[in-house]
Amino acid sequence: MKPRKSFLLRISPDLYEALEAWAQQELRSVNGQIEYVLQDAVRRRGRTAGPESVEAEPPPSERSRARR
């Protein structure tokens, strides 16, 4: 398994606050939320994130709907 890639991301404080609030609602870290959003965008565009691409886990609200 490849090690995860680290990089610096500069975003506005307002965008960070919005991501932080969204992440809290979905019980994720900000980093996890950013990764989820990016994976979802790549999947929706029909692209792959590489050979080890793992489909993003849906947020808790969608997971509970899928079980019904």
C-alpha atoms as a PDB file:
ATOM      1  CA  MET A   1       0.000   0.000   0.000  1.00  0.00           C
ATOM      2  CA  LYS A   2       1.354   3.397  -0.963  1.00  0.00           C
ATOM      3  CA  PRO A   3       1.871   5.965   1.800  1.00  0.00           C
ATOM      4  CA  ARG A   4      -0.559   8.852   1.753  1.00  0.00           C
ATOM      5  CA  LYS A   5       0.599  12.028   0.054  1.00  0.00           C
ATOM      6  CA  SER A   6       0.888  15.158   2.218  1.00  0.00           C
ATOM      7  CA  PHE A   7       0.777  18.672   0.819  1.00  0.00           C
ATOM      8  CA  LEU A   8       0.075  22.208   1.923  1.00  0.00           C
ATOM      9  CA  LEU A   9      -3.345  23.641   1.084  1.00  0.00           C
ATOM     10  CA  ARG A  10      -4.030  27.342   1.402  1.00  0.00           C
ATOM     11  CA  ILE A  11      -7.707  28.290   1.639  1.00  0.00           C
ATOM     12  CA  SER A  12      -9.577  31.297   2.938  1.00  0.00           C
ATOM     13  CA  PRO A  13     -10.637  31.348   6.598  1.00  0.00           C
ATOM     14  CA  ASP A  14     -14.294  31.522   5.515  1.00  0.00           C
ATOM     15  CA  LEU A  15     -13.981  28.399   3.383  1.00  0.00           C
ATOM     16  CA  TYR A  16     -12.176  26.583   6.212  1.00  0.00           C
ATOM     17  CA  GLU A  17     -14.976  27.473   8.652  1.00  0.00           C
ATOM     18  CA  ALA A  18     -17.606  26.189   6.205  1.00  0.00           C
ATOM     19  CA  LEU A  19     -15.680  22.937   5.715  1.00  0.00           C
ATOM     20  CA  GLU A  20     -15.203  22.578   9.468  1.00  0.00           C
ATOM     21  CA  ALA A  21     -18.937  22.961  10.130  1.00  0.00           C
ATOM     22  CA  TRP A  22     -19.778  20.507   7.340  1.00  0.00           C
ATOM     23  CA  ALA A  23     -17.231  18.007   8.650  1.00  0.00           C
ATOM     24  CA  GLN A  24     -18.686  18.205  12.164  1.00  0.00           C
ATOM     25  CA  GLN A  25     -22.183  17.508  10.795  1.00  0.00           C
ATOM     26  CA  GLU A  26     -20.905  14.388   9.054  1.00  0.00           C
ATOM     27  CA  LEU A  27     -18.688  13.253  11.949  1.00  0.00           C
ATOM     28  CA  ARG A  28     -15.429  13.703  10.039  1.00  0.00           C
ATOM     29  CA  SER A  29     -12.235  15.673  10.496  1.00  0.00           C
ATOM     30  CA  VAL A  30     -11.707  18.656   8.195  1.00  0.00           C
ATOM     31  CA  ASN A  31      -9.001  16.657   6.411  1.00  0.00           C
ATOM     32  CA  GLY A  32     -11.372  13.707   6.038  1.00  0.00           C
ATOM     33  CA  GLN A  33     -14.115  15.969   4.727  1.00  0.00           C
ATOM     34  CA  ILE A  34     -11.832  17.542   2.119  1.00  0.00           C
ATOM     35  CA  GLU A  35     -10.729  14.067   1.000  1.00  0.00           C
ATOM     36  CA  TYR A  36     -14.363  12.902   0.835  1.00  0.00           C
ATOM     37  CA  VAL A  37     -15.412  15.917  -1.255  1.00  0.00           C
ATOM     38  CA  LEU A  38     -12.486  15.459  -3.644  1.00  0.00           C
ATOM     39  CA  GLN A  39     -13.088  11.696  -4.013  1.00  0.00           C
ATOM     40  CA  ASP A  40     -16.782  12.324  -4.674  1.00  0.00           C
ATOM     41  CA  ALA A  41     -15.981  14.966  -7.311  1.00  0.00           C
ATOM     42  CA  VAL A  42     -13.517  12.628  -9.043  1.00  0.00           C
ATOM     43  CA  ARG A  43     -16.054   9.781  -8.983  1.00  0.00           C
ATOM     44  CA  ARG A  44     -18.838  11.986 -10.372  1.00  0.00           C
ATOM     45  CA  ARG A  45     -16.602  13.114 -13.230  1.00  0.00           C
ATOM     46  CA  GLY A  46     -16.002   9.489 -14.144  1.00  0.00           C
ATOM     47  CA  ARG A  47     -12.322   9.687 -13.350  1.00  0.00           C
ATOM     48  CA  THR A  48     -10.279   7.430 -11.136  1.00  0.00           C
ATOM     49  CA  ALA A  49      -7.993   8.488  -8.346  1.00  0.00           C
ATOM     50  CA  GLY A  50      -5.522   5.722  -9.155  1.00  0.00           C
ATOM     51  CA  PRO A  51      -5.353   1.949  -9.027  1.00  0.00           C
ATOM     52  CA  GLU A  52      -5.927   1.910  -5.268  1.00  0.00           C
ATOM     53  CA  SER A  53      -8.905   4.259  -5.514  1.00  0.00           C
ATOM     54  CA  VAL A  54     -11.399   3.609  -2.766  1.00  0.00           C
ATOM     55  CA  GLU A  55     -14.910   4.905  -3.140  1.00  0.00           C
ATOM     56  CA  ALA A  56     -15.654   7.588  -0.577  1.00  0.00           C
ATOM     57  CA  GLU A  57     -17.801   6.503   2.335  1.00  0.00           C
ATOM     58  CA  PRO A  58     -21.172   8.288   2.313  1.00  0.00           C
ATOM     59  CA  PRO A  59     -21.985  10.613   5.188  1.00  0.00           C
ATOM     60  CA  PRO A  60     -23.831   9.090   8.178  1.00  0.00           C
ATOM     61  CA  SER A  61     -27.163  10.555   7.022  1.00  0.00           C
ATOM     62  CA  GLU A  62     -26.897   8.727   3.675  1.00  0.00           C
ATOM     63  CA  ARG A  63     -25.595   5.513   5.281  1.00  0.00           C
ATOM     64  CA  SER A  64     -28.705   5.237   7.464  1.00  0.00           C
ATOM     65  CA  ARG A  65     -30.997   5.801   4.446  1.00  0.00           C
ATOM     66  CA  ALA A  66     -29.243   3.062   2.474  1.00  0.00           C
ATOM     67  CA  ARG A  67     -29.887   0.491   5.221  1.00  0.00           C
ATOM     68  CA  ARG A  68     -33.672   0.969   5.216  1.00  0.00           C
END
